[in-house]
Amino acid sequence: MPVVQPYRERNSDLVHTKLQRITIRNPSFASPVDKRKQLQAFPPNFIHSLDATHMILSALECEKRGLTFAAVHDSFWTHAADVDTMNEVLRDSFITMHSEDIIGRLHAEFEIRYQGCMYMTAVKAGSRVGKKIAEWRTKFSSNSTRRNKVQEVRVKELLLERRRLKLLASQQAEERTEGEAMVTPGSIFEQSEGEADLALDEALEDVTIGSASSARTNKLQANMKLEVGDEDNIGSGATALDDELGILGPHFDDDVNVGSVESEECDADIKRKATKARKTMKKKVWLWRPISFPPAPKKGDFDVSRIKESPYFFS
């Protein structure tokens, strides 16, 4: 079954009132991909797609045999008299599906689907490859106009890198030679073997597959500190958690203007994030690279047909 992950970062505007802040989102606005959600959601979504595939294969075979079939996720039903037959169908469908090299097929699909696609990555500005790219870019972008200079340079570099890769993949020896002679940030990265100098994306800084987000971890730790029935602890714990996560709630005070306090805190938070973003940009040098995938692990040698004789599998 196909897997679609429409996870994007939602751009929103904050409207300040006397009592609260209201978040307004524009669903029609083009939003960038949410890298964190894409990374963490792919493994479970892929497994769910395999479950769905197994369910459909089983349903089709049950229909051929005249069995009544119903299912929710990976739970299957039929009439009591047909359970043994459905058990056989479920096992056969599972064996048929997992006898193939599923990961190898996924890898091949990615290679074909994303062939020729480019993405922006970054290297550390102080690294050898970062300094070389910065030096090359100073000369390359000298003729660019001041207005929209960054966007203009990025587009030019993208077109240049695409041309280089196209020439390198040509069947004509002359064109391949021309491509090998071209100098781009991508070629500098390849010649310098810059993989070790790649800069980690902040959006994925504390994320690994299967790990909980820092906000969720903090919340769980705060909950563990609470004692059952202790109302004072619950109140203080929630306030501490809000402060730790940066949640600005409407804390009422007789002598304080809530709207002005929240506005000041929000503005200060925005300024801190903007300052951090500017400092981060100075520490990195961006470049275009073609999307590539590491080799897929080889299919294991386990004989999946053994589950046919298992007294526990789908029983």
C-alpha atoms as a PDB file:
ATOM      1  CA  MET A   1       0.000   0.000   0.000  1.00  0.00           C
ATOM      2  CA  PRO A   2       1.316   3.491  -0.771  1.00  0.00           C
ATOM      3  CA  VAL A   3       2.484   5.639   2.149  1.00  0.00           C
ATOM      4  CA  VAL A   4       1.702   9.364   2.055  1.00  0.00           C
ATOM      5  CA  GLN A   5       3.116  11.635   4.763  1.00  0.00           C
ATOM      6  CA  PRO A   6       1.630  15.151   4.437  1.00  0.00           C
ATOM      7  CA  TYR A   7       3.550  16.481   7.430  1.00  0.00           C
ATOM      8  CA  ARG A   8       4.454  20.140   6.998  1.00  0.00           C
ATOM      9  CA  GLU A   9       5.421  22.976   9.297  1.00  0.00           C
ATOM     10  CA  ARG A  10       2.385  25.143   9.866  1.00  0.00           C
ATOM     11  CA  ASN A  11       3.014  28.863   9.591  1.00  0.00           C
ATOM     12  CA  SER A  12       0.781  30.758  11.979  1.00  0.00           C
ATOM     13  CA  ASP A  13       0.105  34.299  13.136  1.00  0.00           C
ATOM     14  CA  LEU A  14      -0.459  35.276  16.749  1.00  0.00           C
ATOM     15  CA  VAL A  15      -3.251  37.690  17.633  1.00  0.00           C
ATOM     16  CA  HIS A  16      -2.955  39.201  21.118  1.00  0.00           C
ATOM     17  CA  THR A  17      -6.047  39.969  23.179  1.00  0.00           C
ATOM     18  CA  LYS A  18      -6.396  41.137  26.752  1.00  0.00           C
ATOM     19  CA  LEU A  19      -6.873  37.605  28.036  1.00  0.00           C
ATOM     20  CA  GLN A  20      -5.105  35.287  25.631  1.00  0.00           C
ATOM     21  CA  ARG A  21      -3.270  34.730  22.397  1.00  0.00           C
ATOM     22  CA  ILE A  22      -5.095  33.318  19.377  1.00  0.00           C
ATOM     23  CA  THR A  23      -3.237  31.337  16.733  1.00  0.00           C
ATOM     24  CA  ILE A  24      -4.471  31.746  13.157  1.00  0.00           C
ATOM     25  CA  ARG A  25      -3.252  29.377  10.464  1.00  0.00           C
ATOM     26  CA  ASN A  26      -3.617  29.704   6.724  1.00  0.00           C
ATOM     27  CA  PRO A  27      -4.164  26.190   5.276  1.00  0.00           C
ATOM     28  CA  SER A  28      -3.632  27.424   1.705  1.00  0.00           C
ATOM     29  CA  PHE A  29      -0.168  28.826   2.446  1.00  0.00           C
ATOM     30  CA  ALA A  30       2.765  26.797   1.090  1.00  0.00           C
ATOM     31  CA  SER A  31       4.530  25.311   4.125  1.00  0.00           C
ATOM     32  CA  PRO A  32       7.946  23.601   4.275  1.00  0.00           C
ATOM     33  CA  VAL A  33       8.226  19.902   5.045  1.00  0.00           C
ATOM     34  CA  ASP A  34       8.364  19.043   8.750  1.00  0.00           C
ATOM     35  CA  LYS A  35      11.611  17.069   8.855  1.00  0.00           C
ATOM     36  CA  ARG A  36      11.135  15.887  12.424  1.00  0.00           C
ATOM     37  CA  LYS A  37       7.704  14.363  11.799  1.00  0.00           C
ATOM     38  CA  GLN A  38       8.773  12.895   8.459  1.00  0.00           C
ATOM     39  CA  LEU A  39      11.688  11.087  10.098  1.00  0.00           C
ATOM     40  CA  GLN A  40       9.832   9.762  13.124  1.00  0.00           C
ATOM     41  CA  ALA A  41       6.629   8.799  11.286  1.00  0.00           C
ATOM     42  CA  PHE A  42       8.162   6.852   8.409  1.00  0.00           C
ATOM     43  CA  PRO A  43       8.940   3.539  10.209  1.00  0.00           C
ATOM     44  CA  PRO A  44       5.475   3.082  11.805  1.00  0.00           C
ATOM     45  CA  ASN A  45       3.689   4.257   8.652  1.00  0.00           C
ATOM     46  CA  PHE A  46       5.668   1.813   6.538  1.00  0.00           C
ATOM     47  CA  ILE A  47       4.842  -1.064   8.895  1.00  0.00           C
ATOM     48  CA  HIS A  48       1.166  -0.065   8.838  1.00  0.00           C
ATOM     49  CA  SER A  49       1.281  -0.186   5.039  1.00  0.00           C
ATOM     50  CA  LEU A  50       2.578  -3.769   5.225  1.00  0.00           C
ATOM     51  CA  ASP A  51      -0.244  -4.681   7.625  1.00  0.00           C
ATOM     52  CA  ALA A  52      -2.752  -3.158   5.205  1.00  0.00           C
ATOM     53  CA  THR A  53      -1.226  -5.074   2.288  1.00  0.00           C
ATOM     54  CA  HIS A  54      -1.489  -8.339   4.197  1.00  0.00           C
ATOM     55  CA  MET A  55      -5.110  -7.575   5.070  1.00  0.00           C
ATOM     56  CA  ILE A  56      -6.035  -6.879   1.422  1.00  0.00           C
ATOM     57  CA  LEU A  57      -4.302 -10.038   0.158  1.00  0.00           C
ATOM     58  CA  SER A  58      -6.126 -12.063   2.794  1.00  0.00           C
ATOM     59  CA  ALA A  59      -9.485 -10.441   1.994  1.00  0.00           C
ATOM     60  CA  LEU A  60      -9.120 -11.148  -1.717  1.00  0.00           C
ATOM     61  CA  GLU A  61      -8.250 -14.794  -1.111  1.00  0.00           C
ATOM     62  CA  CYS A  62     -11.153 -15.199   1.326  1.00  0.00           C
ATOM     63  CA  GLU A  63     -13.492 -13.791  -1.309  1.00  0.00           C
ATOM     64  CA  LYS A  64     -12.215 -16.352  -3.830  1.00  0.00           C
ATOM     65  CA  ARG A  65     -12.953 -19.154  -1.364  1.00  0.00           C
ATOM     66  CA  GLY A  66     -16.383 -17.800  -0.478  1.00  0.00           C
ATOM     67  CA  LEU A  67     -15.486 -16.872   3.109  1.00  0.00           C
ATOM     68  CA  THR A  68     -17.048 -13.981   4.988  1.00  0.00           C
ATOM     69  CA  PHE A  69     -14.228 -11.626   5.983  1.00  0.00           C
ATOM     70  CA  ALA A  70     -14.085  -8.645   8.337  1.00  0.00           C
ATOM     71  CA  ALA A  71     -11.053  -6.852   9.790  1.00  0.00           C
ATOM     72  CA  VAL A  72      -9.860  -3.951  11.895  1.00  0.00           C
ATOM     73  CA  HIS A  73      -6.164  -3.239  11.441  1.00  0.00           C
ATOM     74  CA  ASP A  74      -4.566  -6.671  12.079  1.00  0.00           C
ATOM     75  CA  SER A  75      -7.549  -8.377  13.725  1.00  0.00           C
ATOM     76  CA  PHE A  76      -9.580 -10.637  11.429  1.00  0.00           C
ATOM     77  CA  TRP A  77     -13.012 -12.267  11.743  1.00  0.00           C
ATOM     78  CA  THR A  78     -15.057 -14.871   9.957  1.00  0.00           C
ATOM     79  CA  HIS A  79     -17.742 -17.395  10.903  1.00  0.00           C
ATOM     80  CA  ALA A  80     -16.687 -19.979  13.480  1.00  0.00           C
ATOM     81  CA  ALA A  81     -16.947 -22.829  10.984  1.00  0.00           C
ATOM     82  CA  ASP A  82     -14.470 -21.081   8.654  1.00  0.00           C
ATOM     83  CA  VAL A  83     -11.814 -20.058  11.190  1.00  0.00           C
ATOM     84  CA  ASP A  84      -9.412 -22.883  10.275  1.00  0.00           C
ATOM     85  CA  THR A  85      -9.666 -22.027   6.577  1.00  0.00           C
ATOM     86  CA  MET A  86      -9.090 -18.315   7.244  1.00  0.00           C
ATOM     87  CA  ASN A  87      -6.105 -19.228   9.422  1.00  0.00           C
ATOM     88  CA  GLU A  88      -4.571 -20.962   6.417  1.00  0.00           C
ATOM     89  CA  VAL A  89      -5.335 -17.976   4.170  1.00  0.00           C
ATOM     90  CA  LEU A  90      -3.707 -15.515   6.585  1.00  0.00           C
ATOM     91  CA  ARG A  91      -0.524 -17.564   6.805  1.00  0.00           C
ATOM     92  CA  ASP A  92      -0.293 -18.084   3.047  1.00  0.00           C
ATOM     93  CA  SER A  93      -0.793 -14.369   2.368  1.00  0.00           C
ATOM     94  CA  PHE A  94       1.855 -13.459   4.950  1.00  0.00           C
ATOM     95  CA  ILE A  95       4.358 -15.927   3.476  1.00  0.00           C
ATOM     96  CA  THR A  96       3.692 -14.717  -0.075  1.00  0.00           C
ATOM     97  CA  MET A  97       4.286 -11.096   0.901  1.00  0.00           C
ATOM     98  CA  HIS A  98       7.374 -11.577   3.070  1.00  0.00           C
ATOM     99  CA  SER A  99       9.063 -14.056   0.750  1.00  0.00           C
ATOM    100  CA  GLU A 100       9.914 -11.064  -1.429  1.00  0.00           C
ATOM    101  CA  ASP A 101      12.696  -8.564  -0.717  1.00  0.00           C
ATOM    102  CA  ILE A 102      10.424  -5.779   0.542  1.00  0.00           C
ATOM    103  CA  ILE A 103      13.215  -3.438   1.682  1.00  0.00           C
ATOM    104  CA  GLY A 104      15.093  -3.968  -1.580  1.00  0.00           C
ATOM    105  CA  ARG A 105      11.953  -3.082  -3.555  1.00  0.00           C
ATOM    106  CA  LEU A 106      11.436   0.033  -1.421  1.00  0.00           C
ATOM    107  CA  HIS A 107      15.036   1.089  -2.064  1.00  0.00           C
ATOM    108  CA  ALA A 108      14.637   0.567  -5.818  1.00  0.00           C
ATOM    109  CA  GLU A 109      11.402   2.567  -5.794  1.00  0.00           C
ATOM    110  CA  PHE A 110      13.097   5.477  -4.003  1.00  0.00           C
ATOM    111  CA  GLU A 111      16.012   5.405  -6.445  1.00  0.00           C
ATOM    112  CA  ILE A 112      13.636   5.692  -9.406  1.00  0.00           C
ATOM    113  CA  ARG A 113      11.152   8.122  -7.863  1.00  0.00           C
ATOM    114  CA  TYR A 114      13.733  10.622  -6.635  1.00  0.00           C
ATOM    115  CA  GLN A 115      16.229  10.290  -9.472  1.00  0.00           C
ATOM    116  CA  GLY A 116      17.519  13.737 -10.399  1.00  0.00           C
ATOM    117  CA  CYS A 117      16.007  15.443  -7.337  1.00  0.00           C
ATOM    118  CA  MET A 118      18.155  17.942  -5.458  1.00  0.00           C
ATOM    119  CA  TYR A 119      18.132  19.124  -1.871  1.00  0.00           C
ATOM    120  CA  MET A 120      19.980  21.722   0.172  1.00  0.00           C
ATOM    121  CA  THR A 121      22.424  20.562   2.802  1.00  0.00           C
ATOM    122  CA  ALA A 122      25.097  22.391   4.761  1.00  0.00           C
ATOM    123  CA  VAL A 123      28.693  22.020   5.889  1.00  0.00           C
ATOM    124  CA  LYS A 124      30.444  23.704   8.769  1.00  0.00           C
ATOM    125  CA  ALA A 125      31.663  27.139   7.745  1.00  0.00           C
ATOM    126  CA  GLY A 126      35.023  26.674   9.471  1.00  0.00           C
ATOM    127  CA  SER A 127      35.790  23.383   7.765  1.00  0.00           C
ATOM    128  CA  ARG A 128      38.159  23.054   4.815  1.00  0.00           C
ATOM    129  CA  VAL A 129      35.357  22.325   2.370  1.00  0.00           C
ATOM    130  CA  GLY A 130      33.242  25.133   3.844  1.00  0.00           C
ATOM    131  CA  LYS A 131      36.016  27.670   3.311  1.00  0.00           C
ATOM    132  CA  LYS A 132      36.584  26.483  -0.266  1.00  0.00           C
ATOM    133  CA  ILE A 133      32.907  26.809  -1.120  1.00  0.00           C
ATOM    134  CA  ALA A 134      32.729  30.260   0.476  1.00  0.00           C
ATOM    135  CA  GLU A 135      35.754  31.381  -1.534  1.00  0.00           C
ATOM    136  CA  TRP A 136      34.258  30.028  -4.778  1.00  0.00           C
ATOM    137  CA  ARG A 137      30.895  31.665  -4.005  1.00  0.00           C
ATOM    138  CA  THR A 138      32.484  35.069  -3.471  1.00  0.00           C
ATOM    139  CA  LYS A 139      33.712  35.015  -7.066  1.00  0.00           C
ATOM    140  CA  PHE A 140      30.612  33.358  -8.510  1.00  0.00           C
ATOM    141  CA  SER A 141      28.092  35.747  -6.921  1.00  0.00           C
ATOM    142  CA  SER A 142      30.040  38.961  -7.550  1.00  0.00           C
ATOM    143  CA  ASN A 143      27.843  39.823 -10.536  1.00  0.00           C
ATOM    144  CA  SER A 144      24.539  39.241  -8.731  1.00  0.00           C
ATOM    145  CA  THR A 145      22.286  42.167  -7.936  1.00  0.00           C
ATOM    146  CA  ARG A 146      21.952  43.242  -4.306  1.00  0.00           C
ATOM    147  CA  ARG A 147      18.191  42.758  -4.267  1.00  0.00           C
ATOM    148  CA  ASN A 148      17.193  39.119  -3.640  1.00  0.00           C
ATOM    149  CA  LYS A 149      20.869  38.191  -3.888  1.00  0.00           C
ATOM    150  CA  VAL A 150      20.577  35.016  -1.812  1.00  0.00           C
ATOM    151  CA  GLN A 151      17.645  33.635  -3.815  1.00  0.00           C
ATOM    152  CA  GLU A 152      19.313  34.569  -7.087  1.00  0.00           C
ATOM    153  CA  VAL A 153      22.562  32.837  -6.185  1.00  0.00           C
ATOM    154  CA  ARG A 154      20.763  29.711  -4.985  1.00  0.00           C
ATOM    155  CA  VAL A 155      18.816  29.398  -8.235  1.00  0.00           C
ATOM    156  CA  LYS A 156      21.953  29.937 -10.321  1.00  0.00           C
ATOM    157  CA  GLU A 157      23.878  27.353  -8.330  1.00  0.00           C
ATOM    158  CA  LEU A 158      21.016  24.857  -8.628  1.00  0.00           C
ATOM    159  CA  LEU A 159      20.943  25.227 -12.419  1.00  0.00           C
ATOM    160  CA  LEU A 160      24.729  24.980 -12.559  1.00  0.00           C
ATOM    161  CA  GLU A 161      24.793  21.812 -10.455  1.00  0.00           C
ATOM    162  CA  ARG A 162      22.015  20.240 -12.513  1.00  0.00           C
ATOM    163  CA  ARG A 163      23.969  20.936 -15.695  1.00  0.00           C
ATOM    164  CA  ARG A 164      27.136  19.406 -14.217  1.00  0.00           C
ATOM    165  CA  LEU A 165      25.353  16.218 -13.192  1.00  0.00           C
ATOM    166  CA  LYS A 166      23.617  15.973 -16.557  1.00  0.00           C
ATOM    167  CA  LEU A 167      26.945  16.277 -18.385  1.00  0.00           C
ATOM    168  CA  LEU A 168      28.563  13.672 -16.120  1.00  0.00           C
ATOM    169  CA  ALA A 169      25.738  11.229 -16.935  1.00  0.00           C
ATOM    170  CA  SER A 170      26.034  11.857 -20.705  1.00  0.00           C
ATOM    171  CA  GLN A 171      26.892   9.113 -23.184  1.00  0.00           C
ATOM    172  CA  GLN A 172      29.197  11.530 -25.028  1.00  0.00           C
ATOM    173  CA  ALA A 173      32.816  11.559 -23.838  1.00  0.00           C
ATOM    174  CA  GLU A 174      33.195  15.265 -24.659  1.00  0.00           C
ATOM    175  CA  GLU A 175      30.241  16.207 -22.477  1.00  0.00           C
ATOM    176  CA  ARG A 176      31.487  14.061 -19.593  1.00  0.00           C
ATOM    177  CA  THR A 177      34.868  15.780 -19.840  1.00  0.00           C
ATOM    178  CA  GLU A 178      33.134  19.163 -19.738  1.00  0.00           C
ATOM    179  CA  GLY A 179      31.190  18.119 -16.660  1.00  0.00           C
ATOM    180  CA  GLU A 180      34.327  16.892 -14.895  1.00  0.00           C
ATOM    181  CA  ALA A 181      35.994  20.257 -15.543  1.00  0.00           C
ATOM    182  CA  MET A 182      33.123  22.273 -14.017  1.00  0.00           C
ATOM    183  CA  VAL A 183      33.603  23.671 -10.520  1.00  0.00           C
ATOM    184  CA  THR A 184      30.550  23.948  -8.282  1.00  0.00           C
ATOM    185  CA  PRO A 185      29.958  23.673  -4.527  1.00  0.00           C
ATOM    186  CA  GLY A 186      28.867  20.085  -5.237  1.00  0.00           C
ATOM    187  CA  SER A 187      32.103  19.217  -7.033  1.00  0.00           C
ATOM    188  CA  ILE A 188      34.149  20.878  -4.270  1.00  0.00           C
ATOM    189  CA  PHE A 189      32.235  18.814  -1.704  1.00  0.00           C
ATOM    190  CA  GLU A 190      32.885  15.584  -3.621  1.00  0.00           C
ATOM    191  CA  GLN A 191      36.592  16.256  -4.196  1.00  0.00           C
ATOM    192  CA  SER A 192      37.101  17.190  -0.556  1.00  0.00           C
ATOM    193  CA  GLU A 193      35.118  14.169   0.692  1.00  0.00           C
ATOM    194  CA  GLY A 194      33.080  16.554   2.820  1.00  0.00           C
ATOM    195  CA  GLU A 195      30.741  14.025   4.470  1.00  0.00           C
ATOM    196  CA  ALA A 196      32.605  14.409   7.756  1.00  0.00           C
ATOM    197  CA  ASP A 197      32.015  18.182   7.662  1.00  0.00           C
ATOM    198  CA  LEU A 198      28.244  18.037   7.200  1.00  0.00           C
ATOM    199  CA  ALA A 199      26.385  20.224   9.689  1.00  0.00           C
ATOM    200  CA  LEU A 200      23.517  18.690  11.623  1.00  0.00           C
ATOM    201  CA  ASP A 201      20.072  20.117  10.943  1.00  0.00           C
ATOM    202  CA  GLU A 202      18.729  21.843  14.081  1.00  0.00           C
ATOM    203  CA  ALA A 203      15.259  20.412  13.412  1.00  0.00           C
ATOM    204  CA  LEU A 204      16.730  16.912  13.840  1.00  0.00           C
ATOM    205  CA  GLU A 205      19.306  17.748  16.494  1.00  0.00           C
ATOM    206  CA  ASP A 206      17.721  15.731  19.318  1.00  0.00           C
ATOM    207  CA  VAL A 207      15.708  13.329  17.193  1.00  0.00           C
ATOM    208  CA  THR A 208      16.352   9.685  16.509  1.00  0.00           C
ATOM    209  CA  ILE A 209      13.926   7.124  15.168  1.00  0.00           C
ATOM    210  CA  GLY A 210      11.722   5.943  17.990  1.00  0.00           C
ATOM    211  CA  SER A 211      12.781   8.643  20.446  1.00  0.00           C
ATOM    212  CA  ALA A 212      10.266  10.829  22.228  1.00  0.00           C
ATOM    213  CA  SER A 213      10.397  14.568  21.664  1.00  0.00           C
ATOM    214  CA  SER A 214      12.006  16.683  24.382  1.00  0.00           C
ATOM    215  CA  ALA A 215       8.649  18.297  25.201  1.00  0.00           C
ATOM    216  CA  ARG A 216       6.998  14.914  25.737  1.00  0.00           C
ATOM    217  CA  THR A 217       9.981  13.687  27.786  1.00  0.00           C
ATOM    218  CA  ASN A 218       9.767  16.730  30.058  1.00  0.00           C
ATOM    219  CA  LYS A 219       6.044  16.217  30.505  1.00  0.00           C
ATOM    220  CA  LEU A 220       6.503  12.558  31.448  1.00  0.00           C
ATOM    221  CA  GLN A 221       9.236  13.447  33.928  1.00  0.00           C
ATOM    222  CA  ALA A 222       7.017  16.100  35.486  1.00  0.00           C
ATOM    223  CA  ASN A 223       4.130  13.626  35.806  1.00  0.00           C
ATOM    224  CA  MET A 224       6.390  11.113  37.551  1.00  0.00           C
ATOM    225  CA  LYS A 225       7.149  13.686  40.258  1.00  0.00           C
ATOM    226  CA  LEU A 226       3.468  14.171  41.133  1.00  0.00           C
ATOM    227  CA  GLU A 227       1.848  12.301  43.985  1.00  0.00           C
ATOM    228  CA  VAL A 228      -1.665  10.929  43.601  1.00  0.00           C
ATOM    229  CA  GLY A 229      -4.216  13.201  45.286  1.00  0.00           C
ATOM    230  CA  ASP A 230      -1.733  15.989  45.957  1.00  0.00           C
ATOM    231  CA  GLU A 231      -3.531  19.019  44.506  1.00  0.00           C
ATOM    232  CA  ASP A 232      -0.749  21.415  45.483  1.00  0.00           C
ATOM    233  CA  ASN A 233       1.804  19.314  43.647  1.00  0.00           C
ATOM    234  CA  ILE A 234      -0.413  19.139  40.574  1.00  0.00           C
ATOM    235  CA  GLY A 235      -0.708  22.913  40.397  1.00  0.00           C
ATOM    236  CA  SER A 236       2.975  23.605  40.960  1.00  0.00           C
ATOM    237  CA  GLY A 237       3.989  20.802  38.635  1.00  0.00           C
ATOM    238  CA  ALA A 238       1.857  22.147  35.797  1.00  0.00           C
ATOM    239  CA  THR A 239       3.232  25.658  36.260  1.00  0.00           C
ATOM    240  CA  ALA A 240       6.821  24.404  36.304  1.00  0.00           C
ATOM    241  CA  LEU A 241       6.171  22.355  33.203  1.00  0.00           C
ATOM    242  CA  ASP A 242       4.674  25.341  31.390  1.00  0.00           C
ATOM    243  CA  ASP A 243       7.713  27.441  32.270  1.00  0.00           C
ATOM    244  CA  GLU A 244      10.129  24.701  31.190  1.00  0.00           C
ATOM    245  CA  LEU A 245       8.427  24.205  27.822  1.00  0.00           C
ATOM    246  CA  GLY A 246       7.997  27.909  27.169  1.00  0.00           C
ATOM    247  CA  ILE A 247       4.184  27.753  27.280  1.00  0.00           C
ATOM    248  CA  LEU A 248       2.728  31.202  27.909  1.00  0.00           C
ATOM    249  CA  GLY A 249      -0.596  30.720  29.646  1.00  0.00           C
ATOM    250  CA  PRO A 250      -2.948  33.461  30.890  1.00  0.00           C
ATOM    251  CA  HIS A 251      -1.608  33.815  34.481  1.00  0.00           C
ATOM    252  CA  PHE A 252      -3.954  36.339  36.056  1.00  0.00           C
ATOM    253  CA  ASP A 253      -2.780  38.969  38.521  1.00  0.00           C
ATOM    254  CA  ASP A 254      -4.754  41.913  39.951  1.00  0.00           C
ATOM    255  CA  ASP A 255      -1.923  44.402  39.376  1.00  0.00           C
ATOM    256  CA  VAL A 256      -0.558  43.119  36.073  1.00  0.00           C
ATOM    257  CA  ASN A 257      -1.724  43.864  32.537  1.00  0.00           C
ATOM    258  CA  VAL A 258      -1.895  40.366  31.097  1.00  0.00           C
ATOM    259  CA  GLY A 259      -1.863  41.463  27.475  1.00  0.00           C
ATOM    260  CA  SER A 260       1.268  43.561  27.822  1.00  0.00           C
ATOM    261  CA  VAL A 261       3.153  40.853  29.737  1.00  0.00           C
ATOM    262  CA  GLU A 262       2.379  38.210  27.136  1.00  0.00           C
ATOM    263  CA  SER A 263       3.268  40.550  24.291  1.00  0.00           C
ATOM    264  CA  GLU A 264       6.631  41.366  25.860  1.00  0.00           C
ATOM    265  CA  GLU A 265       7.392  37.693  26.524  1.00  0.00           C
ATOM    266  CA  CYS A 266       6.342  36.717  23.005  1.00  0.00           C
ATOM    267  CA  ASP A 267       8.417  39.486  21.419  1.00  0.00           C
ATOM    268  CA  ALA A 268      11.430  38.511  23.504  1.00  0.00           C
ATOM    269  CA  ASP A 269      11.024  34.875  22.475  1.00  0.00           C
ATOM    270  CA  ILE A 270      10.826  35.846  18.797  1.00  0.00           C
ATOM    271  CA  LYS A 271      13.961  37.968  19.134  1.00  0.00           C
ATOM    272  CA  ARG A 272      15.853  35.108  20.798  1.00  0.00           C
ATOM    273  CA  LYS A 273      14.884  32.709  18.015  1.00  0.00           C
ATOM    274  CA  ALA A 274      15.836  35.223  15.323  1.00  0.00           C
ATOM    275  CA  THR A 275      19.234  35.822  16.959  1.00  0.00           C
ATOM    276  CA  LYS A 276      19.850  32.081  17.203  1.00  0.00           C
ATOM    277  CA  ALA A 277      18.882  31.620  13.551  1.00  0.00           C
ATOM    278  CA  ARG A 278      21.293  34.354  12.428  1.00  0.00           C
ATOM    279  CA  LYS A 279      24.150  32.854  14.438  1.00  0.00           C
ATOM    280  CA  THR A 280      23.362  29.393  13.043  1.00  0.00           C
ATOM    281  CA  MET A 281      23.390  30.676   9.472  1.00  0.00           C
ATOM    282  CA  LYS A 282      26.857  32.169   9.996  1.00  0.00           C
ATOM    283  CA  LYS A 283      28.195  28.805  11.135  1.00  0.00           C
ATOM    284  CA  LYS A 284      27.049  26.969   8.005  1.00  0.00           C
ATOM    285  CA  VAL A 285      27.665  27.013   4.283  1.00  0.00           C
ATOM    286  CA  TRP A 286      24.775  25.741   2.183  1.00  0.00           C
ATOM    287  CA  LEU A 287      25.044  23.795  -1.057  1.00  0.00           C
ATOM    288  CA  TRP A 288      22.950  21.720  -3.457  1.00  0.00           C
ATOM    289  CA  ARG A 289      23.359  17.946  -3.505  1.00  0.00           C
ATOM    290  CA  PRO A 290      21.545  15.178  -5.410  1.00  0.00           C
ATOM    291  CA  ILE A 291      19.355  12.955  -3.270  1.00  0.00           C
ATOM    292  CA  SER A 292      21.052   9.627  -2.633  1.00  0.00           C
ATOM    293  CA  PHE A 293      20.261   6.592  -0.502  1.00  0.00           C
ATOM    294  CA  PRO A 294      22.581   4.256   1.400  1.00  0.00           C
ATOM    295  CA  PRO A 295      22.621   0.615   0.275  1.00  0.00           C
ATOM    296  CA  ALA A 296      19.646  -1.378   1.517  1.00  0.00           C
ATOM    297  CA  PRO A 297      20.419  -4.214   3.944  1.00  0.00           C
ATOM    298  CA  LYS A 298      20.271  -7.643   2.367  1.00  0.00           C
ATOM    299  CA  LYS A 299      17.243  -9.819   2.946  1.00  0.00           C
ATOM    300  CA  GLY A 300      17.727 -12.244   5.804  1.00  0.00           C
ATOM    301  CA  ASP A 301      17.926 -15.996   5.319  1.00  0.00           C
ATOM    302  CA  PHE A 302      15.049 -16.843   7.680  1.00  0.00           C
ATOM    303  CA  ASP A 303      12.607 -19.225   6.010  1.00  0.00           C
ATOM    304  CA  VAL A 304       9.309 -17.399   6.492  1.00  0.00           C
ATOM    305  CA  SER A 305       7.386 -20.460   5.292  1.00  0.00           C
ATOM    306  CA  ARG A 306       8.102 -22.033   8.699  1.00  0.00           C
ATOM    307  CA  ILE A 307       5.226 -20.031  10.188  1.00  0.00           C
ATOM    308  CA  LYS A 308       2.859 -22.304   8.257  1.00  0.00           C
ATOM    309  CA  GLU A 309       3.498 -24.988  10.858  1.00  0.00           C
ATOM    310  CA  SER A 310       3.551 -22.666  13.891  1.00  0.00           C
ATOM    311  CA  PRO A 311       0.796 -23.352  16.452  1.00  0.00           C
ATOM    312  CA  TYR A 312       0.879 -19.693  17.566  1.00  0.00           C
ATOM    313  CA  PHE A 313       1.039 -17.580  14.410  1.00  0.00           C
ATOM    314  CA  PHE A 314      -2.444 -16.208  13.481  1.00  0.00           C
ATOM    315  CA  SER A 315      -4.098 -18.768  15.734  1.00  0.00           C
END
